[in-house]
Amino acid sequence: MQQVLVLNASYEPLNVCSLRRAYVLVFKGKAEVIEELEQPLRSASDTYPRPHVIRLVTYIRVPRAIQRKISRRALFARDGWRCVYCGDRYGRLTLDHVVPRSRGGDSVWENVVTSCAPCNLRKGNRLLEEIHMSLAFPPRPPTPVLFIKLAAPTIPTRWQPYLGHFGSATAAA
């Protein structure tokens, strides 16, 4: 299934949709084609451009206060699929709370990191200072681009100009 990048009226990336959904938005006048693929879509009587990137005509306000829930896949992608303590990317990855839940730590993006099993076992329910461990980078909420990259694991090169200045997919990069 071909995917189409959807941009807000301000050219901010919003999400990825199917080719069919993109056509509906364009034909209803709710979006315009910014980038198209070489092969057009042909019907019995007409030829239409095959959208690759579309931009909404009206600006959609995206509430930034509402954060997406933490998922393993999104967390691992945010941290570059590597342990934030030792940098290992080949071991079994787990979730770890920087401030343990037993000590009042919440399950929020700023407190949950990717950890390999040995580092997670070593840390246990202790604070980093107590066992002289440190994070490779501070955990933070992921950029909206991360979720686009999760929806479309292989990002077409023609999408890069629209995704580049809105943050990278990982905090480690």
N, C-alpha and C. Protein backbone atom coordinates (compact mmCIF):
# COMPACT_ATOMS: atom_id res chain seq x y z
N MET A 1 0.84 -1.18 0.00
CA MET A 1 0.00 0.00 0.00
C MET A 1 0.89 1.24 0.00
N GLN A 2 0.63 2.13 -0.93
CA GLN A 2 1.42 3.36 -1.00
C GLN A 2 0.93 4.33 0.07
N GLN A 3 1.88 4.99 0.73
CA GLN A 3 1.55 5.95 1.76
C GLN A 3 1.87 7.35 1.28
N VAL A 4 1.11 8.31 1.80
CA VAL A 4 1.24 9.71 1.41
C VAL A 4 1.49 10.52 2.68
N LEU A 5 2.47 11.41 2.64
CA LEU A 5 2.77 12.29 3.77
C LEU A 5 1.76 13.43 3.76
N VAL A 6 1.16 13.71 4.92
CA VAL A 6 0.18 14.79 5.06
C VAL A 6 0.82 15.91 5.85
N LEU A 7 0.83 17.11 5.27
CA LEU A 7 1.38 18.29 5.92
C LEU A 7 0.24 19.22 6.32
N ASN A 8 0.43 19.95 7.40
CA ASN A 8 -0.52 20.98 7.79
C ASN A 8 -0.39 22.14 6.81
N ALA A 9 -1.27 23.12 6.90
CA ALA A 9 -1.19 24.28 6.02
C ALA A 9 0.13 25.03 6.20
N SER A 10 0.75 24.88 7.37
CA SER A 10 2.03 25.52 7.66
C SER A 10 3.23 24.66 7.25
N TYR A 11 2.98 23.58 6.53
CA TYR A 11 4.00 22.62 6.08
C TYR A 11 4.58 21.79 7.21
N GLU A 12 3.94 21.79 8.36
CA GLU A 12 4.36 20.93 9.47
C GLU A 12 3.84 19.52 9.20
N PRO A 13 4.67 18.50 9.33
CA PRO A 13 4.18 17.13 9.09
C PRO A 13 3.16 16.73 10.15
N LEU A 14 2.04 16.17 9.68
CA LEU A 14 0.98 15.73 10.59
C LEU A 14 0.93 14.23 10.75
N ASN A 15 0.84 13.53 9.61
CA ASN A 15 0.76 12.07 9.67
C ASN A 15 0.97 11.48 8.29
N VAL A 16 0.70 10.20 8.19
CA VAL A 16 0.81 9.47 6.93
C VAL A 16 -0.57 8.87 6.67
N CYS A 17 -1.02 8.93 5.42
CA CYS A 17 -2.31 8.33 5.09
C CYS A 17 -2.17 7.48 3.84
N SER A 18 -3.23 6.75 3.53
CA SER A 18 -3.22 5.90 2.34
C SER A 18 -3.42 6.75 1.09
N LEU A 19 -3.09 6.18 -0.04
CA LEU A 19 -3.28 6.87 -1.31
C LEU A 19 -4.76 7.20 -1.52
N ARG A 20 -5.62 6.27 -1.17
CA ARG A 20 -7.06 6.49 -1.32
C ARG A 20 -7.52 7.69 -0.49
N ARG A 21 -7.09 7.76 0.78
CA ARG A 21 -7.47 8.88 1.64
C ARG A 21 -6.93 10.19 1.10
N ALA A 22 -5.73 10.17 0.56
CA ALA A 22 -5.14 11.38 -0.02
C ALA A 22 -5.98 11.87 -1.20
N TYR A 23 -6.41 10.95 -2.06
CA TYR A 23 -7.26 11.33 -3.20
C TYR A 23 -8.56 11.96 -2.72
N VAL A 24 -9.17 11.39 -1.70
CA VAL A 24 -10.42 11.94 -1.18
C VAL A 24 -10.20 13.37 -0.69
N LEU A 25 -9.12 13.60 0.06
CA LEU A 25 -8.83 14.95 0.56
C LEU A 25 -8.59 15.93 -0.58
N VAL A 26 -7.88 15.49 -1.61
CA VAL A 26 -7.58 16.38 -2.75
C VAL A 26 -8.85 16.66 -3.54
N PHE A 27 -9.64 15.63 -3.84
CA PHE A 27 -10.84 15.82 -4.65
C PHE A 27 -11.91 16.64 -3.94
N LYS A 28 -11.94 16.59 -2.61
CA LYS A 28 -12.89 17.40 -1.85
C LYS A 28 -12.39 18.83 -1.65
N GLY A 29 -11.19 19.13 -2.12
CA GLY A 29 -10.65 20.46 -1.99
C GLY A 29 -10.08 20.76 -0.61
N LYS A 30 -9.87 19.74 0.19
CA LYS A 30 -9.34 19.93 1.54
C LYS A 30 -7.81 19.87 1.57
N ALA A 31 -7.21 19.42 0.48
CA ALA A 31 -5.74 19.33 0.41
C ALA A 31 -5.30 19.58 -1.02
N GLU A 32 -4.02 19.92 -1.14
CA GLU A 32 -3.43 20.10 -2.46
C GLU A 32 -2.19 19.23 -2.57
N VAL A 33 -1.90 18.81 -3.78
CA VAL A 33 -0.74 17.95 -4.02
C VAL A 33 0.51 18.81 -4.07
N ILE A 34 1.48 18.49 -3.23
CA ILE A 34 2.76 19.21 -3.20
C ILE A 34 3.80 18.45 -4.01
N GLU A 35 3.88 17.16 -3.79
CA GLU A 35 4.81 16.29 -4.53
C GLU A 35 3.99 15.16 -5.12
N GLU A 36 4.30 14.80 -6.34
CA GLU A 36 3.61 13.68 -6.96
C GLU A 36 4.62 12.70 -7.53
N LEU A 37 4.19 11.47 -7.65
CA LEU A 37 5.03 10.44 -8.25
C LEU A 37 4.92 10.51 -9.76
N GLU A 38 5.89 9.91 -10.42
CA GLU A 38 5.95 9.99 -11.88
C GLU A 38 4.76 9.31 -12.55
N GLN A 39 4.36 8.13 -12.03
CA GLN A 39 3.28 7.40 -12.67
C GLN A 39 1.93 7.98 -12.23
N PRO A 40 1.18 8.58 -13.14
CA PRO A 40 -0.14 9.09 -12.78
C PRO A 40 -1.15 7.96 -12.65
N LEU A 41 -2.26 8.26 -12.04
CA LEU A 41 -3.36 7.30 -11.94
C LEU A 41 -4.29 7.55 -13.11
N ARG A 42 -4.59 6.51 -13.85
CA ARG A 42 -5.44 6.66 -15.03
C ARG A 42 -6.80 6.02 -14.80
N SER A 43 -7.83 6.73 -15.22
CA SER A 43 -9.17 6.16 -15.22
C SER A 43 -9.58 5.99 -16.68
N ALA A 44 -10.80 5.58 -16.92
CA ALA A 44 -11.26 5.38 -18.30
C ALA A 44 -11.27 6.69 -19.08
N SER A 45 -11.51 7.80 -18.38
CA SER A 45 -11.65 9.06 -19.10
C SER A 45 -10.66 10.15 -18.69
N ASP A 46 -9.86 9.91 -17.66
CA ASP A 46 -9.00 10.99 -17.18
C ASP A 46 -7.69 10.46 -16.61
N THR A 47 -6.76 11.38 -16.38
CA THR A 47 -5.48 11.07 -15.75
C THR A 47 -5.31 12.01 -14.56
N TYR A 48 -4.92 11.44 -13.41
CA TYR A 48 -4.75 12.22 -12.19
C TYR A 48 -3.33 12.04 -11.67
N PRO A 49 -2.77 13.10 -11.05
CA PRO A 49 -1.44 12.94 -10.46
C PRO A 49 -1.51 11.99 -9.27
N ARG A 50 -0.47 11.21 -9.07
CA ARG A 50 -0.40 10.28 -7.94
C ARG A 50 0.32 11.01 -6.81
N PRO A 51 -0.42 11.45 -5.78
CA PRO A 51 0.21 12.25 -4.72
C PRO A 51 1.22 11.46 -3.90
N HIS A 52 2.27 12.15 -3.52
CA HIS A 52 3.31 11.58 -2.66
C HIS A 52 3.37 12.39 -1.36
N VAL A 53 3.13 13.71 -1.47
CA VAL A 53 3.04 14.62 -0.33
C VAL A 53 1.87 15.55 -0.60
N ILE A 54 0.98 15.68 0.39
CA ILE A 54 -0.13 16.63 0.25
C ILE A 54 -0.09 17.61 1.41
N ARG A 55 -0.69 18.78 1.18
CA ARG A 55 -0.77 19.82 2.21
C ARG A 55 -2.22 20.19 2.40
N LEU A 56 -2.67 20.21 3.65
CA LEU A 56 -4.04 20.62 3.93
C LEU A 56 -4.22 22.09 3.61
N VAL A 57 -5.38 22.44 3.09
CA VAL A 57 -5.66 23.82 2.70
C VAL A 57 -5.86 24.70 3.93
N THR A 58 -6.56 24.18 4.93
CA THR A 58 -6.77 24.95 6.16
C THR A 58 -5.89 24.39 7.28
N TYR A 59 -5.47 25.27 8.15
CA TYR A 59 -4.59 24.89 9.25
C TYR A 59 -5.37 24.07 10.28
N ILE A 60 -4.81 22.96 10.70
CA ILE A 60 -5.39 22.12 11.74
C ILE A 60 -4.60 22.35 13.02
N ARG A 61 -5.30 22.80 14.06
CA ARG A 61 -4.63 23.03 15.34
C ARG A 61 -4.41 21.69 16.03
N VAL A 62 -3.17 21.40 16.32
CA VAL A 62 -2.81 20.14 16.97
C VAL A 62 -2.50 20.45 18.43
N PRO A 63 -3.29 19.90 19.35
CA PRO A 63 -3.02 20.19 20.77
C PRO A 63 -1.71 19.53 21.21
N ARG A 64 -0.74 20.34 21.58
CA ARG A 64 0.57 19.82 21.99
C ARG A 64 0.58 19.38 23.45
N ALA A 65 -0.42 19.86 24.22
CA ALA A 65 -0.45 19.50 25.63
C ALA A 65 -0.77 18.02 25.82
N ILE A 66 -1.49 17.45 24.87
CA ILE A 66 -1.84 16.04 24.97
C ILE A 66 -0.68 15.22 24.42
N GLN A 67 -0.06 14.45 25.29
CA GLN A 67 1.06 13.62 24.87
C GLN A 67 0.57 12.23 24.51
N ARG A 68 1.22 11.63 23.55
CA ARG A 68 0.89 10.26 23.19
C ARG A 68 1.32 9.33 24.30
N LYS A 69 0.59 8.23 24.43
CA LYS A 69 0.93 7.24 25.44
C LYS A 69 2.24 6.56 25.06
N ILE A 70 2.93 6.09 26.06
CA ILE A 70 4.19 5.39 25.84
C ILE A 70 3.90 3.99 25.30
N SER A 71 4.57 3.65 24.23
CA SER A 71 4.52 2.27 23.73
C SER A 71 5.96 1.78 23.63
N ARG A 72 6.14 0.49 23.71
CA ARG A 72 7.49 -0.08 23.63
C ARG A 72 8.16 0.33 22.32
N ARG A 73 7.43 0.17 21.24
CA ARG A 73 8.00 0.46 19.92
C ARG A 73 8.42 1.92 19.79
N ALA A 74 7.56 2.83 20.24
CA ALA A 74 7.89 4.26 20.15
C ALA A 74 9.05 4.61 21.07
N LEU A 75 9.08 4.02 22.27
CA LEU A 75 10.17 4.29 23.21
C LEU A 75 11.50 3.77 22.66
N PHE A 76 11.50 2.54 22.16
CA PHE A 76 12.74 1.98 21.60
C PHE A 76 13.21 2.81 20.41
N ALA A 77 12.28 3.25 19.57
CA ALA A 77 12.65 4.07 18.41
C ALA A 77 13.20 5.42 18.87
N ARG A 78 12.57 6.03 19.88
CA ARG A 78 13.06 7.31 20.39
C ARG A 78 14.50 7.19 20.86
N ASP A 79 14.83 6.08 21.52
CA ASP A 79 16.17 5.89 22.07
C ASP A 79 17.12 5.23 21.09
N GLY A 80 16.72 5.12 19.84
CA GLY A 80 17.62 4.57 18.82
C GLY A 80 17.84 3.07 18.93
N TRP A 81 16.90 2.35 19.53
CA TRP A 81 16.99 0.90 19.67
C TRP A 81 18.28 0.49 20.39
N ARG A 82 18.67 1.27 21.40
CA ARG A 82 19.88 0.95 22.16
C ARG A 82 19.66 1.29 23.64
N CYS A 83 20.44 0.65 24.48
CA CYS A 83 20.39 0.89 25.92
C CYS A 83 20.95 2.29 26.19
N VAL A 84 20.23 3.10 26.96
CA VAL A 84 20.70 4.45 27.25
C VAL A 84 21.79 4.47 28.32
N TYR A 85 22.04 3.34 28.95
CA TYR A 85 23.08 3.28 29.98
C TYR A 85 24.42 2.84 29.39
N CYS A 86 24.43 1.76 28.61
CA CYS A 86 25.70 1.24 28.10
C CYS A 86 25.84 1.38 26.57
N GLY A 87 24.77 1.72 25.89
CA GLY A 87 24.82 1.89 24.44
C GLY A 87 24.65 0.61 23.65
N ASP A 88 24.45 -0.52 24.31
CA ASP A 88 24.30 -1.81 23.62
C ASP A 88 23.01 -1.82 22.80
N ARG A 89 23.10 -2.25 21.56
CA ARG A 89 21.91 -2.34 20.73
C ARG A 89 21.61 -3.76 20.30
N TYR A 90 22.34 -4.72 20.81
CA TYR A 90 22.15 -6.11 20.38
C TYR A 90 21.53 -6.98 21.45
N GLY A 91 21.47 -6.50 22.68
CA GLY A 91 20.88 -7.29 23.76
C GLY A 91 19.36 -7.20 23.76
N ARG A 92 18.76 -7.90 24.70
CA ARG A 92 17.30 -7.86 24.86
C ARG A 92 16.95 -6.53 25.52
N LEU A 93 16.13 -5.73 24.85
CA LEU A 93 15.78 -4.41 25.37
C LEU A 93 14.55 -4.48 26.26
N THR A 94 14.58 -3.66 27.31
CA THR A 94 13.46 -3.57 28.25
C THR A 94 13.18 -2.10 28.52
N LEU A 95 12.09 -1.84 29.21
CA LEU A 95 11.78 -0.48 29.66
C LEU A 95 12.33 -0.30 31.07
N ASP A 96 12.80 0.90 31.37
CA ASP A 96 13.29 1.17 32.72
C ASP A 96 12.82 2.55 33.14
N HIS A 97 12.38 2.68 34.37
CA HIS A 97 12.02 3.97 34.94
C HIS A 97 13.28 4.57 35.57
N VAL A 98 13.66 5.77 35.15
CA VAL A 98 14.85 6.43 35.70
C VAL A 98 14.66 6.61 37.21
N VAL A 99 13.55 7.21 37.61
CA VAL A 99 13.16 7.25 39.02
C VAL A 99 12.16 6.10 39.17
N PRO A 100 12.53 5.06 39.90
CA PRO A 100 11.67 3.87 39.99
C PRO A 100 10.26 4.19 40.47
N ARG A 101 9.32 3.42 40.00
CA ARG A 101 7.93 3.62 40.41
C ARG A 101 7.78 3.42 41.91
N SER A 102 8.61 2.54 42.48
CA SER A 102 8.55 2.31 43.93
C SER A 102 8.99 3.53 44.72
N ARG A 103 9.65 4.47 44.04
CA ARG A 103 10.11 5.71 44.70
C ARG A 103 9.36 6.93 44.19
N GLY A 104 8.21 6.69 43.60
CA GLY A 104 7.36 7.81 43.17
C GLY A 104 7.54 8.24 41.73
N GLY A 105 8.31 7.52 40.94
CA GLY A 105 8.49 7.87 39.54
C GLY A 105 7.26 7.53 38.72
N ASP A 106 6.94 8.39 37.79
CA ASP A 106 5.76 8.19 36.94
C ASP A 106 6.15 7.51 35.63
N SER A 107 5.15 6.97 34.97
CA SER A 107 5.36 6.38 33.64
C SER A 107 5.10 7.45 32.59
N VAL A 108 6.03 8.39 32.48
CA VAL A 108 5.95 9.48 31.50
C VAL A 108 7.21 9.43 30.65
N TRP A 109 7.15 10.06 29.47
CA TRP A 109 8.27 10.02 28.54
C TRP A 109 9.57 10.48 29.17
N GLU A 110 9.51 11.45 30.08
CA GLU A 110 10.71 12.01 30.69
C GLU A 110 11.31 11.09 31.76
N ASN A 111 10.62 9.99 32.11
CA ASN A 111 11.12 9.11 33.17
C ASN A 111 11.31 7.67 32.70
N VAL A 112 10.95 7.35 31.48
CA VAL A 112 11.07 5.98 30.99
C VAL A 112 12.10 5.95 29.87
N VAL A 113 13.01 4.98 29.94
CA VAL A 113 14.07 4.85 28.94
C VAL A 113 14.20 3.40 28.50
N THR A 114 14.94 3.20 27.43
CA THR A 114 15.26 1.87 26.94
C THR A 114 16.51 1.38 27.66
N SER A 115 16.47 0.15 28.13
CA SER A 115 17.59 -0.43 28.85
C SER A 115 17.79 -1.87 28.42
N CYS A 116 19.04 -2.31 28.38
CA CYS A 116 19.27 -3.73 28.13
C CYS A 116 18.99 -4.47 29.45
N ALA A 117 18.74 -5.75 29.36
CA ALA A 117 18.38 -6.53 30.55
C ALA A 117 19.46 -6.46 31.64
N PRO A 118 20.77 -6.61 31.31
CA PRO A 118 21.78 -6.54 32.38
C PRO A 118 21.81 -5.18 33.10
N CYS A 119 21.69 -4.07 32.35
CA CYS A 119 21.70 -2.75 32.99
C CYS A 119 20.45 -2.55 33.85
N ASN A 120 19.31 -3.03 33.35
CA ASN A 120 18.07 -2.90 34.10
C ASN A 120 18.16 -3.70 35.40
N LEU A 121 18.73 -4.88 35.33
CA LEU A 121 18.90 -5.72 36.52
C LEU A 121 19.87 -5.06 37.51
N ARG A 122 20.95 -4.48 36.99
CA ARG A 122 21.95 -3.82 37.85
C ARG A 122 21.34 -2.60 38.56
N LYS A 123 20.52 -1.85 37.82
CA LYS A 123 19.93 -0.65 38.40
C LYS A 123 18.85 -0.99 39.41
N GLY A 124 18.01 -1.97 39.10
CA GLY A 124 16.95 -2.36 40.02
C GLY A 124 16.04 -1.20 40.35
N ASN A 125 15.72 -1.03 41.63
CA ASN A 125 14.84 0.06 42.04
C ASN A 125 15.62 1.20 42.70
N ARG A 126 16.86 1.37 42.27
CA ARG A 126 17.70 2.42 42.85
C ARG A 126 17.79 3.62 41.91
N LEU A 127 18.21 4.74 42.45
CA LEU A 127 18.43 5.93 41.65
C LEU A 127 19.80 5.84 40.99
N LEU A 128 19.97 6.56 39.90
CA LEU A 128 21.24 6.51 39.15
C LEU A 128 22.43 6.92 40.02
N GLU A 129 22.24 7.93 40.86
CA GLU A 129 23.34 8.42 41.70
C GLU A 129 23.79 7.36 42.71
N GLU A 130 22.88 6.54 43.14
CA GLU A 130 23.21 5.53 44.15
C GLU A 130 24.14 4.45 43.62
N ILE A 131 24.09 4.19 42.33
CA ILE A 131 24.93 3.12 41.77
C ILE A 131 25.89 3.65 40.71
N HIS A 132 26.04 4.96 40.65
CA HIS A 132 27.00 5.61 39.75
C HIS A 132 26.78 5.24 38.28
N MET A 133 25.53 5.27 37.86
CA MET A 133 25.20 5.07 36.44
C MET A 133 24.76 6.42 35.89
N SER A 134 24.86 6.56 34.58
CA SER A 134 24.40 7.80 33.95
C SER A 134 23.70 7.48 32.64
N LEU A 135 22.91 8.44 32.19
CA LEU A 135 22.18 8.31 30.93
C LEU A 135 23.02 8.88 29.80
N ALA A 136 22.94 8.27 28.63
CA ALA A 136 23.66 8.79 27.46
C ALA A 136 23.07 10.14 27.03
N PHE A 137 21.77 10.33 27.24
CA PHE A 137 21.09 11.58 26.92
C PHE A 137 19.84 11.65 27.78
N PRO A 138 19.37 12.86 28.08
CA PRO A 138 18.18 12.98 28.92
C PRO A 138 16.93 12.53 28.17
N PRO A 139 16.06 11.76 28.81
CA PRO A 139 14.83 11.34 28.14
C PRO A 139 13.88 12.52 27.97
N ARG A 140 13.21 12.57 26.83
CA ARG A 140 12.25 13.64 26.56
C ARG A 140 11.15 13.08 25.67
N PRO A 141 10.04 13.77 25.59
CA PRO A 141 8.98 13.29 24.70
C PRO A 141 9.47 13.24 23.25
N PRO A 142 9.01 12.27 22.49
CA PRO A 142 9.46 12.17 21.10
C PRO A 142 8.87 13.27 20.23
N THR A 143 9.55 13.55 19.15
CA THR A 143 9.05 14.53 18.19
C THR A 143 7.91 13.91 17.39
N PRO A 144 7.03 14.73 16.82
CA PRO A 144 5.95 14.18 15.98
C PRO A 144 6.48 13.38 14.80
N VAL A 145 7.67 13.71 14.34
CA VAL A 145 8.26 13.00 13.20
C VAL A 145 8.49 11.53 13.54
N LEU A 146 8.76 11.22 14.81
CA LEU A 146 8.98 9.83 15.21
C LEU A 146 7.78 8.97 14.85
N PHE A 147 6.59 9.47 15.10
CA PHE A 147 5.39 8.68 14.84
C PHE A 147 5.15 8.52 13.34
N ILE A 148 5.58 9.50 12.55
CA ILE A 148 5.50 9.35 11.09
C ILE A 148 6.48 8.27 10.65
N LYS A 149 7.66 8.27 11.25
CA LYS A 149 8.66 7.26 10.88
C LYS A 149 8.24 5.87 11.35
N LEU A 150 7.46 5.79 12.41
CA LEU A 150 6.94 4.49 12.84
C LEU A 150 5.83 4.01 11.91
N ALA A 151 5.02 4.95 11.40
CA ALA A 151 3.94 4.59 10.48
C ALA A 151 4.49 4.18 9.12
N ALA A 152 5.58 4.79 8.72
CA ALA A 152 6.22 4.47 7.44
C ALA A 152 7.69 4.18 7.73
N PRO A 153 8.02 2.93 8.07
CA PRO A 153 9.39 2.61 8.47
C PRO A 153 10.46 2.99 7.45
N THR A 154 10.14 2.92 6.17
CA THR A 154 11.10 3.38 5.16
C THR A 154 10.62 4.74 4.66
N ILE A 155 11.34 5.77 5.01
CA ILE A 155 10.97 7.13 4.64
C ILE A 155 11.50 7.43 3.24
N PRO A 156 10.61 7.76 2.31
CA PRO A 156 11.07 8.11 0.96
C PRO A 156 11.97 9.36 1.01
N THR A 157 12.95 9.40 0.16
CA THR A 157 13.89 10.54 0.17
C THR A 157 13.18 11.84 -0.15
N ARG A 158 12.11 11.79 -0.91
CA ARG A 158 11.39 13.03 -1.25
C ARG A 158 10.59 13.58 -0.08
N TRP A 159 10.46 12.82 1.01
CA TRP A 159 9.80 13.32 2.22
C TRP A 159 10.78 14.07 3.12
N GLN A 160 12.07 13.80 2.98
CA GLN A 160 13.07 14.35 3.90
C GLN A 160 13.01 15.87 4.04
N PRO A 161 12.85 16.65 2.97
CA PRO A 161 12.80 18.10 3.15
C PRO A 161 11.65 18.56 4.06
N TYR A 162 10.58 17.79 4.10
CA TYR A 162 9.43 18.17 4.92
C TYR A 162 9.55 17.68 6.35
N LEU A 163 10.38 16.68 6.59
CA LEU A 163 10.54 16.12 7.93
C LEU A 163 11.78 16.65 8.64
N GLY A 164 12.79 17.06 7.90
CA GLY A 164 14.09 17.40 8.44
C GLY A 164 14.11 18.44 9.53
N HIS A 165 13.46 19.58 9.35
CA HIS A 165 13.59 20.66 10.32
C HIS A 165 12.59 20.56 11.47
N PHE A 166 11.82 19.48 11.55
CA PHE A 166 10.89 19.31 12.67
C PHE A 166 11.41 18.34 13.70
N GLY A 167 12.69 18.04 13.69
CA GLY A 167 13.28 17.17 14.70
C GLY A 167 13.56 15.80 14.14
N SER A 168 14.57 15.19 14.71
CA SER A 168 14.93 13.85 14.25
C SER A 168 14.06 12.83 14.95
N ALA A 169 14.15 11.61 14.47
CA ALA A 169 13.31 10.55 15.03
C ALA A 169 13.80 10.11 16.39
N THR A 170 15.07 10.25 16.65
CA THR A 170 15.59 9.76 17.92
C THR A 170 16.32 10.87 18.64
N ALA A 171 16.32 10.75 19.93
CA ALA A 171 17.08 11.72 20.73
C ALA A 171 18.56 11.42 20.67
N ALA A 172 18.90 10.18 20.32
CA ALA A 172 20.30 9.79 20.29
C ALA A 172 21.01 10.27 19.04
N ALA A 173 20.28 10.54 18.01
CA ALA A 173 20.91 10.91 16.74
C ALA A 173 21.46 12.30 16.76
